[in-house]
Every structure is written in structure tokens, then in C-alpha cells.
Amino acid sequence: MNDAISAGTVTITGHGGDEIEAYLARPTDPSPRGSVVVIHHMPGYDAATKEIVRKFAANGYAAVCPNLYSREAPGAAPDDAAAAVRASGGVPDDRLVGDVSGAAEYLKGLDGANGKVGVIGYCSGGRQTFLSACSLQIDAAVDCYGAFVVNDPPPGMPASMKPILGLAKDLSCPLLGLFGADDQYPGPEETAKLAAELDSLGKTHEFHTYEGAGHAFFAVDRPSYRPEAAVDAWGHIMNFYSRHLAA
């Protein structure tokens, strides 16, 4: 079995025809494969997110993460870019959808692509994953503790972070949700409300909530990391994508 991958920075066409930076990883094996758009968390387009992109490639998927902050802070360190974007009100929802659409089209154009594309996002990227799956034709979506899908954000959050539960009727694909029981944004009552809405609409979804885990339990470079929860959640992600992104 050839498990070699290639990875590096590329340029993709995002919202409005803008050329934006992105990080691509994919297997070198030419066999047909599904693809994944990775939406980075609010702290930005960082080394930990790029490692997630490579993890998908190592598991047989082509994956790309668009740098959502590349317009406001091209070439800036992740923390500085995130601060600049927060100060400007955050990433507008329409621009986010355009960038994810561009990333998905880029993946579909790669050699070996089977035409199926999933989306996954963490933190603000979890909300943006739900937004993308309700705005575009996606094959599978994974929301990792995406806040403010249901509830209003607290003071000080970017102006773009508005609830989007009303979009649930337009969800285009199965949704996997991975949450921490100790998280406040989203709290268990928020994810329960989202699940109830999806149930009422007949939308396919699968939610898992981990006891002893809070926000950002996937983040290996942060004190919030919870290895047991993260390992189990990764198992659910790979199983979910194997079912929905296969040729």
C-alpha cells in the first residue's frame, strides 16, 4: 500500500474570484478518492490546522484548508491575522460560503477526485461548516463544537457570528456533530436544540457529546486537549466520511 502524501501551499479561487492562499495535502496514489474542505478555527490558519489537513491525506483523502484571513492579513502570523479579522467584524458569511465553494471546486478538479466533497470545521469553523452545508451541495459535513448556530454570541464576539438555525431546512447532507459536555459555546442545551430542529425537519444527523471535555478538545497544542475524547471523535469522523465520500 502506498501511503505517501504530498503537501504544501497552493492558490485557489475564492469568493468573488479572489485568489486566496490555501494548504493542500493529498495521497500520491492515483486511486479515486473523496475530498475534504477543512475550515480553520477562529485562532486562524495555523500549524495545528495544517496537521489536520495532512491527517486526512494520510487517511486517503485530498484535503484543502483555505486561509479565510488571507485578504485582511496576507503573510501575517496566525494570531495577528485572527486579531485583525476579529477587529474588522469577522469573516462575512457570504464570503465564507464563496471560499468553501471555491475550495470544493478546486478539490473536484484534482486528479483522482471522485466528485464527493465533505466539509469539517472547528470552533467558528464548526458554525461555518453548518453554514456551508446549508448553502452548498455538500456530501458530508462535520461540525466540531461550532458555536452560535442556535444562540446569540456574548459581547465582544465578531459581528458576523449570528445564529443560523433558520438555515437548517436547507441542510444538503448528513451532519456529524462532535461536542464537549463542559463547553459553554455551544453548551449541551444548544446542541440539543439543534438536534431537535434537525429531527423535526427529517435531516440526517449524528451527534456525540463527550463528558469531561470542553471547547477545543481536539486542539493538541492547547490545555483544552482531551486525548480520549479526540481519539474517539476521530474514529467517528473517519467512519462517517468512509460511508459518505466513497466512490
C-alpha atoms as a PDB file:
ATOM      1  CA  MET A   1       0.000   0.000   0.000  1.00  0.00           C
ATOM      2  CA  ASN A   2       1.335   3.424  -0.992  1.00  0.00           C
ATOM      3  CA  ASP A   3       0.788   5.756   1.967  1.00  0.00           C
ATOM      4  CA  ALA A   4       2.898   8.651   0.646  1.00  0.00           C
ATOM      5  CA  ILE A   5       1.368  12.130   0.594  1.00  0.00           C
ATOM      6  CA  SER A   6       2.273  15.493  -0.881  1.00  0.00           C
ATOM      7  CA  ALA A   7       1.504  18.743   0.934  1.00  0.00           C
ATOM      8  CA  GLY A   8       2.083  22.444   0.527  1.00  0.00           C
ATOM      9  CA  THR A   9       0.678  25.903  -0.069  1.00  0.00           C
ATOM     10  CA  VAL A  10      -1.461  26.487  -3.146  1.00  0.00           C
ATOM     11  CA  THR A  11      -3.605  29.289  -4.530  1.00  0.00           C
ATOM     12  CA  ILE A  12      -7.333  28.748  -5.073  1.00  0.00           C
ATOM     13  CA  THR A  13     -10.116  30.938  -6.406  1.00  0.00           C
ATOM     14  CA  GLY A  14     -12.434  32.010  -3.611  1.00  0.00           C
ATOM     15  CA  HIS A  15     -15.431  34.298  -3.216  1.00  0.00           C
ATOM     16  CA  GLY A  16     -15.821  36.929  -5.896  1.00  0.00           C
ATOM     17  CA  GLY A  17     -12.994  35.462  -7.944  1.00  0.00           C
ATOM     18  CA  ASP A  18     -10.380  36.404  -5.330  1.00  0.00           C
ATOM     19  CA  GLU A  19      -7.160  34.400  -5.420  1.00  0.00           C
ATOM     20  CA  ILE A  20      -6.504  33.201  -1.860  1.00  0.00           C
ATOM     21  CA  GLU A  21      -3.896  31.121  -0.094  1.00  0.00           C
ATOM     22  CA  ALA A  22      -4.741  27.555   0.916  1.00  0.00           C
ATOM     23  CA  TYR A  23      -2.974  24.488   2.270  1.00  0.00           C
ATOM     24  CA  LEU A  24      -3.355  21.256   0.298  1.00  0.00           C
ATOM     25  CA  ALA A  25      -2.439  17.676   1.205  1.00  0.00           C
ATOM     26  CA  ARG A  26      -3.272  14.567  -0.803  1.00  0.00           C
ATOM     27  CA  PRO A  27      -2.136  10.984  -1.326  1.00  0.00           C
ATOM     28  CA  THR A  28       0.282  10.359  -4.167  1.00  0.00           C
ATOM     29  CA  ASP A  29      -1.574   7.129  -5.015  1.00  0.00           C
ATOM     30  CA  PRO A  30      -3.739   7.870  -8.099  1.00  0.00           C
ATOM     31  CA  SER A  31      -6.698   5.768  -6.893  1.00  0.00           C
ATOM     32  CA  PRO A  32     -10.106   7.544  -6.893  1.00  0.00           C
ATOM     33  CA  ARG A  33     -10.785   9.337  -3.604  1.00  0.00           C
ATOM     34  CA  GLY A  34     -13.136  11.659  -1.814  1.00  0.00           C
ATOM     35  CA  SER A  35     -12.090  15.127  -0.719  1.00  0.00           C
ATOM     36  CA  VAL A  36     -12.415  17.298   2.389  1.00  0.00           C
ATOM     37  CA  VAL A  37     -12.507  21.072   2.861  1.00  0.00           C
ATOM     38  CA  VAL A  38     -11.070  21.913   6.292  1.00  0.00           C
ATOM     39  CA  ILE A  39     -12.317  25.187   7.817  1.00  0.00           C
ATOM     40  CA  HIS A  40      -9.867  26.520  10.374  1.00  0.00           C
ATOM     41  CA  HIS A  41     -10.817  27.725  13.843  1.00  0.00           C
ATOM     42  CA  MET A  42     -11.073  31.352  14.944  1.00  0.00           C
ATOM     43  CA  PRO A  43      -7.404  31.454  16.065  1.00  0.00           C
ATOM     44  CA  GLY A  44      -6.563  31.101  12.411  1.00  0.00           C
ATOM     45  CA  TYR A  45      -4.764  29.230   9.673  1.00  0.00           C
ATOM     46  CA  ASP A  46      -2.107  27.697  11.872  1.00  0.00           C
ATOM     47  CA  ALA A  47       0.273  24.757  12.159  1.00  0.00           C
ATOM     48  CA  ALA A  48      -2.207  22.601  14.076  1.00  0.00           C
ATOM     49  CA  THR A  49      -4.837  23.061  11.340  1.00  0.00           C
ATOM     50  CA  LYS A  50      -2.326  22.145   8.649  1.00  0.00           C
ATOM     51  CA  GLU A  51      -1.574  18.964  10.574  1.00  0.00           C
ATOM     52  CA  ILE A  52      -5.292  18.096  10.404  1.00  0.00           C
ATOM     53  CA  VAL A  53      -5.159  18.570   6.619  1.00  0.00           C
ATOM     54  CA  ARG A  54      -2.212  16.162   6.417  1.00  0.00           C
ATOM     55  CA  LYS A  55      -4.064  13.669   8.634  1.00  0.00           C
ATOM     56  CA  PHE A  56      -6.863  13.458   6.093  1.00  0.00           C
ATOM     57  CA  ALA A  57      -4.330  12.886   3.303  1.00  0.00           C
ATOM     58  CA  ALA A  58      -2.688  10.115   5.315  1.00  0.00           C
ATOM     59  CA  ASN A  59      -6.129   8.508   5.569  1.00  0.00           C
ATOM     60  CA  GLY A  60      -6.724   8.564   1.834  1.00  0.00           C
ATOM     61  CA  TYR A  61      -8.453  11.908   1.176  1.00  0.00           C
ATOM     62  CA  ALA A  62      -7.390  15.006  -0.692  1.00  0.00           C
ATOM     63  CA  ALA A  63      -7.866  17.907   1.731  1.00  0.00           C
ATOM     64  CA  VAL A  64      -7.518  21.656   1.482  1.00  0.00           C
ATOM     65  CA  CYS A  65      -7.805  24.437   4.059  1.00  0.00           C
ATOM     66  CA  PRO A  66      -8.437  27.922   2.647  1.00  0.00           C
ATOM     67  CA  ASN A  67      -6.857  30.760   4.604  1.00  0.00           C
ATOM     68  CA  LEU A  68     -10.004  32.724   5.432  1.00  0.00           C
ATOM     69  CA  TYR A  69      -7.884  35.617   6.714  1.00  0.00           C
ATOM     70  CA  SER A  70      -5.583  35.982   3.720  1.00  0.00           C
ATOM     71  CA  ARG A  71      -7.318  39.113   2.422  1.00  0.00           C
ATOM     72  CA  GLU A  72      -7.104  41.141   5.656  1.00  0.00           C
ATOM     73  CA  ALA A  73      -3.654  39.961   6.737  1.00  0.00           C
ATOM     74  CA  PRO A  74      -1.663  38.339   3.906  1.00  0.00           C
ATOM     75  CA  GLY A  75       1.502  36.739   5.222  1.00  0.00           C
ATOM     76  CA  ALA A  76       0.742  37.613   8.859  1.00  0.00           C
ATOM     77  CA  ALA A  77       1.275  35.224  11.766  1.00  0.00           C
ATOM     78  CA  PRO A  78      -1.941  33.339  12.663  1.00  0.00           C
ATOM     79  CA  ASP A  79      -2.543  35.237  15.923  1.00  0.00           C
ATOM     80  CA  ASP A  80      -2.034  38.622  14.254  1.00  0.00           C
ATOM     81  CA  ALA A  81      -4.259  37.709  11.326  1.00  0.00           C
ATOM     82  CA  ALA A  82      -7.008  36.469  13.659  1.00  0.00           C
ATOM     83  CA  ALA A  83      -6.853  39.706  15.675  1.00  0.00           C
ATOM     84  CA  ALA A  84      -7.129  41.803  12.515  1.00  0.00           C
ATOM     85  CA  VAL A  85     -10.149  39.866  11.277  1.00  0.00           C
ATOM     86  CA  ARG A  86     -11.901  39.961  14.662  1.00  0.00           C
ATOM     87  CA  ALA A  87     -11.392  43.724  14.775  1.00  0.00           C
ATOM     88  CA  SER A  88     -12.966  44.072  11.336  1.00  0.00           C
ATOM     89  CA  GLY A  89     -16.082  42.144  12.376  1.00  0.00           C
ATOM     90  CA  GLY A  90     -15.118  38.617  11.361  1.00  0.00           C
ATOM     91  CA  VAL A  91     -15.465  36.700   8.113  1.00  0.00           C
ATOM     92  CA  PRO A  92     -18.744  37.619   6.351  1.00  0.00           C
ATOM     93  CA  ASP A  93     -20.994  34.612   5.823  1.00  0.00           C
ATOM     94  CA  ASP A  94     -21.352  35.132   2.069  1.00  0.00           C
ATOM     95  CA  ARG A  95     -17.596  35.335   1.645  1.00  0.00           C
ATOM     96  CA  LEU A  96     -17.120  32.175   3.696  1.00  0.00           C
ATOM     97  CA  VAL A  97     -19.567  30.272   1.508  1.00  0.00           C
ATOM     98  CA  GLY A  98     -17.797  31.522  -1.606  1.00  0.00           C
ATOM     99  CA  ASP A  99     -14.397  30.461  -0.303  1.00  0.00           C
ATOM    100  CA  VAL A 100     -15.630  26.980   0.656  1.00  0.00           C
ATOM    101  CA  SER A 101     -17.306  26.627  -2.733  1.00  0.00           C
ATOM    102  CA  GLY A 102     -14.041  27.565  -4.420  1.00  0.00           C
ATOM    103  CA  ALA A 103     -12.122  25.077  -2.272  1.00  0.00           C
ATOM    104  CA  ALA A 104     -14.602  22.320  -3.128  1.00  0.00           C
ATOM    105  CA  GLU A 105     -14.318  23.046  -6.855  1.00  0.00           C
ATOM    106  CA  TYR A 106     -10.529  23.045  -6.585  1.00  0.00           C
ATOM    107  CA  LEU A 107     -10.629  19.581  -4.973  1.00  0.00           C
ATOM    108  CA  LYS A 108     -13.032  18.235  -7.600  1.00  0.00           C
ATOM    109  CA  GLY A 109     -10.563  19.302 -10.289  1.00  0.00           C
ATOM    110  CA  LEU A 110      -7.647  17.301  -8.871  1.00  0.00           C
ATOM    111  CA  ASP A 111      -6.529  14.043 -10.460  1.00  0.00           C
ATOM    112  CA  GLY A 112      -8.183  11.108  -8.695  1.00  0.00           C
ATOM    113  CA  ALA A 113     -11.121  13.097  -7.307  1.00  0.00           C
ATOM    114  CA  ASN A 114     -14.320  11.037  -7.243  1.00  0.00           C
ATOM    115  CA  GLY A 115     -16.550  14.126  -7.125  1.00  0.00           C
ATOM    116  CA  LYS A 116     -17.601  13.755  -3.484  1.00  0.00           C
ATOM    117  CA  VAL A 117     -16.632  16.514  -1.041  1.00  0.00           C
ATOM    118  CA  GLY A 118     -17.005  16.749   2.719  1.00  0.00           C
ATOM    119  CA  VAL A 119     -16.530  19.775   4.954  1.00  0.00           C
ATOM    120  CA  ILE A 120     -15.217  19.882   8.521  1.00  0.00           C
ATOM    121  CA  GLY A 121     -14.675  22.838  10.832  1.00  0.00           C
ATOM    122  CA  TYR A 122     -13.635  23.583  14.389  1.00  0.00           C
ATOM    123  CA  CYS A 123     -14.859  26.353  16.737  1.00  0.00           C
ATOM    124  CA  SER A 124     -16.051  29.171  14.450  1.00  0.00           C
ATOM    125  CA  GLY A 125     -15.310  26.742  11.641  1.00  0.00           C
ATOM    126  CA  GLY A 126     -17.949  24.404  13.067  1.00  0.00           C
ATOM    127  CA  ARG A 127     -20.583  27.092  12.622  1.00  0.00           C
ATOM    128  CA  GLN A 128     -19.198  27.813   9.170  1.00  0.00           C
ATOM    129  CA  THR A 129     -19.401  24.108   8.309  1.00  0.00           C
ATOM    130  CA  PHE A 130     -23.118  24.138   9.115  1.00  0.00           C
ATOM    131  CA  LEU A 131     -23.495  27.345   7.084  1.00  0.00           C
ATOM    132  CA  SER A 132     -21.683  25.757   4.122  1.00  0.00           C
ATOM    133  CA  ALA A 133     -23.721  22.555   4.264  1.00  0.00           C
ATOM    134  CA  CYS A 134     -26.928  24.616   4.249  1.00  0.00           C
ATOM    135  CA  SER A 135     -25.761  26.879   1.419  1.00  0.00           C
ATOM    136  CA  LEU A 136     -23.960  24.491  -0.938  1.00  0.00           C
ATOM    137  CA  GLN A 137     -24.391  20.945  -2.220  1.00  0.00           C
ATOM    138  CA  ILE A 138     -22.022  19.024   0.065  1.00  0.00           C
ATOM    139  CA  ASP A 139     -21.814  15.246   0.546  1.00  0.00           C
ATOM    140  CA  ALA A 140     -20.985  15.111   4.280  1.00  0.00           C
ATOM    141  CA  ALA A 141     -20.384  17.741   6.980  1.00  0.00           C
ATOM    142  CA  VAL A 142     -18.661  17.533  10.378  1.00  0.00           C
ATOM    143  CA  ASP A 143     -19.304  20.244  12.974  1.00  0.00           C
ATOM    144  CA  CYS A 144     -16.702  20.197  15.752  1.00  0.00           C
ATOM    145  CA  TYR A 145     -18.116  22.316  18.618  1.00  0.00           C
ATOM    146  CA  GLY A 146     -19.437  25.050  16.363  1.00  0.00           C
ATOM    147  CA  ALA A 147     -20.922  27.833  18.478  1.00  0.00           C
ATOM    148  CA  PHE A 148     -23.658  30.358  17.706  1.00  0.00           C
ATOM    149  CA  VAL A 149     -25.604  28.178  15.315  1.00  0.00           C
ATOM    150  CA  VAL A 150     -28.521  28.424  17.759  1.00  0.00           C
ATOM    151  CA  ASN A 151     -27.759  31.070  20.400  1.00  0.00           C
ATOM    152  CA  ASP A 152     -26.561  34.660  20.161  1.00  0.00           C
ATOM    153  CA  PRO A 153     -22.870  35.197  20.958  1.00  0.00           C
ATOM    154  CA  PRO A 154     -21.719  37.035  24.094  1.00  0.00           C
ATOM    155  CA  PRO A 155     -20.495  40.644  23.883  1.00  0.00           C
ATOM    156  CA  GLY A 156     -17.137  41.083  22.215  1.00  0.00           C
ATOM    157  CA  MET A 157     -17.546  38.419  19.554  1.00  0.00           C
ATOM    158  CA  PRO A 158     -17.230  39.372  15.859  1.00  0.00           C
ATOM    159  CA  ALA A 159     -20.351  40.936  14.396  1.00  0.00           C
ATOM    160  CA  SER A 160     -20.591  38.211  11.750  1.00  0.00           C
ATOM    161  CA  MET A 161     -21.260  35.498  14.352  1.00  0.00           C
ATOM    162  CA  LYS A 162     -25.047  35.451  14.123  1.00  0.00           C
ATOM    163  CA  PRO A 163     -27.308  32.435  14.788  1.00  0.00           C
ATOM    164  CA  ILE A 164     -28.170  30.469  11.652  1.00  0.00           C
ATOM    165  CA  LEU A 165     -30.595  27.822  12.925  1.00  0.00           C
ATOM    166  CA  GLY A 166     -33.137  29.065  10.383  1.00  0.00           C
ATOM    167  CA  LEU A 167     -30.978  27.600   7.620  1.00  0.00           C
ATOM    168  CA  ALA A 168     -31.425  24.041   8.915  1.00  0.00           C
ATOM    169  CA  LYS A 169     -34.205  23.347   6.427  1.00  0.00           C
ATOM    170  CA  ASP A 170     -31.636  23.699   3.647  1.00  0.00           C
ATOM    171  CA  LEU A 171     -29.082  21.235   5.067  1.00  0.00           C
ATOM    172  CA  SER A 172     -27.863  19.369   1.977  1.00  0.00           C
ATOM    173  CA  CYS A 173     -26.115  16.364   3.514  1.00  0.00           C
ATOM    174  CA  PRO A 174     -25.660  14.168   6.601  1.00  0.00           C
ATOM    175  CA  LEU A 175     -24.203  16.063   9.561  1.00  0.00           C
ATOM    176  CA  LEU A 176     -21.865  14.687  12.247  1.00  0.00           C
ATOM    177  CA  GLY A 177     -21.652  16.829  15.394  1.00  0.00           C
ATOM    178  CA  LEU A 178     -18.874  16.434  17.998  1.00  0.00           C
ATOM    179  CA  PHE A 179     -19.228  18.395  21.231  1.00  0.00           C
ATOM    180  CA  GLY A 180     -17.897  18.699  24.777  1.00  0.00           C
ATOM    181  CA  ALA A 181     -20.289  18.374  27.704  1.00  0.00           C
ATOM    182  CA  ASP A 182     -18.336  21.076  29.579  1.00  0.00           C
ATOM    183  CA  ASP A 183     -18.432  23.556  26.698  1.00  0.00           C
ATOM    184  CA  GLN A 184     -20.373  26.800  27.045  1.00  0.00           C
ATOM    185  CA  TYR A 185     -20.261  27.817  23.372  1.00  0.00           C
ATOM    186  CA  PRO A 186     -22.026  25.638  22.341  1.00  0.00           C
ATOM    187  CA  GLY A 187     -23.480  24.312  25.569  1.00  0.00           C
ATOM    188  CA  PRO A 188     -25.358  20.999  25.714  1.00  0.00           C
ATOM    189  CA  GLU A 189     -28.714  22.790  25.686  1.00  0.00           C
ATOM    190  CA  GLU A 190     -27.740  24.498  22.418  1.00  0.00           C
ATOM    191  CA  THR A 191     -26.699  21.273  20.696  1.00  0.00           C
ATOM    192  CA  ALA A 192     -29.872  19.572  21.973  1.00  0.00           C
ATOM    193  CA  LYS A 193     -31.952  22.336  20.383  1.00  0.00           C
ATOM    194  CA  LEU A 194     -30.077  21.911  17.106  1.00  0.00           C
ATOM    195  CA  ALA A 195     -30.660  18.147  17.187  1.00  0.00           C
ATOM    196  CA  ALA A 196     -34.364  18.655  17.872  1.00  0.00           C
ATOM    197  CA  GLU A 197     -34.676  21.045  14.933  1.00  0.00           C
ATOM    198  CA  LEU A 198     -32.922  18.598  12.613  1.00  0.00           C
ATOM    199  CA  ASP A 199     -35.190  15.800  13.865  1.00  0.00           C
ATOM    200  CA  SER A 200     -38.267  17.874  13.141  1.00  0.00           C
ATOM    201  CA  LEU A 201     -37.031  18.528   9.598  1.00  0.00           C
ATOM    202  CA  GLY A 202     -36.107  14.906   8.936  1.00  0.00           C
ATOM    203  CA  LYS A 203     -32.432  15.786   8.418  1.00  0.00           C
ATOM    204  CA  THR A 204     -29.867  13.009   8.842  1.00  0.00           C
ATOM    205  CA  HIS A 205     -27.518  13.739  11.725  1.00  0.00           C
ATOM    206  CA  GLU A 206     -25.383  12.004  14.336  1.00  0.00           C
ATOM    207  CA  PHE A 207     -24.248  13.862  17.464  1.00  0.00           C
ATOM    208  CA  HIS A 208     -21.710  12.781  20.109  1.00  0.00           C
ATOM    209  CA  THR A 209     -21.087  14.715  23.330  1.00  0.00           C
ATOM    210  CA  TYR A 210     -18.051  13.912  25.490  1.00  0.00           C
ATOM    211  CA  GLU A 211     -18.098  14.083  29.259  1.00  0.00           C
ATOM    212  CA  GLY A 212     -15.093  15.831  30.784  1.00  0.00           C
ATOM    213  CA  ALA A 213     -14.371  17.700  27.544  1.00  0.00           C
ATOM    214  CA  GLY A 214     -14.899  21.370  26.864  1.00  0.00           C
ATOM    215  CA  HIS A 215     -14.313  23.623  23.892  1.00  0.00           C
ATOM    216  CA  ALA A 216     -11.370  22.787  21.594  1.00  0.00           C
ATOM    217  CA  PHE A 217     -10.851  19.271  22.916  1.00  0.00           C
ATOM    218  CA  PHE A 218      -9.281  18.358  19.532  1.00  0.00           C
ATOM    219  CA  ALA A 219      -6.558  21.024  19.903  1.00  0.00           C
ATOM    220  CA  VAL A 220      -3.347  19.090  20.591  1.00  0.00           C
ATOM    221  CA  ASP A 221      -1.422  22.329  21.206  1.00  0.00           C
ATOM    222  CA  ARG A 222      -3.784  23.692  23.884  1.00  0.00           C
ATOM    223  CA  PRO A 223      -4.564  22.849  27.531  1.00  0.00           C
ATOM    224  CA  SER A 224      -8.126  22.042  26.440  1.00  0.00           C
ATOM    225  CA  TYR A 225      -6.937  18.919  24.605  1.00  0.00           C
ATOM    226  CA  ARG A 226      -8.666  15.728  25.782  1.00  0.00           C
ATOM    227  CA  PRO A 227      -6.925  12.737  24.157  1.00  0.00           C
ATOM    228  CA  GLU A 228      -9.579  10.129  24.937  1.00  0.00           C
ATOM    229  CA  ALA A 229     -12.391  12.258  23.509  1.00  0.00           C
ATOM    230  CA  ALA A 230     -10.334  13.322  20.498  1.00  0.00           C
ATOM    231  CA  VAL A 231      -9.301   9.770  19.597  1.00  0.00           C
ATOM    232  CA  ASP A 232     -12.893   8.536  19.788  1.00  0.00           C
ATOM    233  CA  ALA A 233     -14.138  11.520  17.794  1.00  0.00           C
ATOM    234  CA  TRP A 234     -11.547  10.966  15.069  1.00  0.00           C
ATOM    235  CA  GLY A 235     -12.844   7.412  14.781  1.00  0.00           C
ATOM    236  CA  HIS A 236     -16.353   8.743  14.199  1.00  0.00           C
ATOM    237  CA  ILE A 237     -15.068  11.230  11.596  1.00  0.00           C
ATOM    238  CA  MET A 238     -13.222   8.613   9.573  1.00  0.00           C
ATOM    239  CA  ASN A 239     -16.141   6.192   9.729  1.00  0.00           C
ATOM    240  CA  PHE A 240     -18.567   8.942   8.714  1.00  0.00           C
ATOM    241  CA  TYR A 241     -16.505  10.023   5.734  1.00  0.00           C
ATOM    242  CA  SER A 242     -15.834   6.451   4.634  1.00  0.00           C
ATOM    243  CA  ARG A 243     -19.609   5.966   4.403  1.00  0.00           C
ATOM    244  CA  HIS A 244     -20.425   9.208   2.616  1.00  0.00           C
ATOM    245  CA  LEU A 245     -17.367  10.081   0.497  1.00  0.00           C
ATOM    246  CA  ALA A 246     -16.554   6.692  -1.019  1.00  0.00           C
ATOM    247  CA  ALA A 247     -16.576   6.352  -4.788  1.00  0.00           C
END
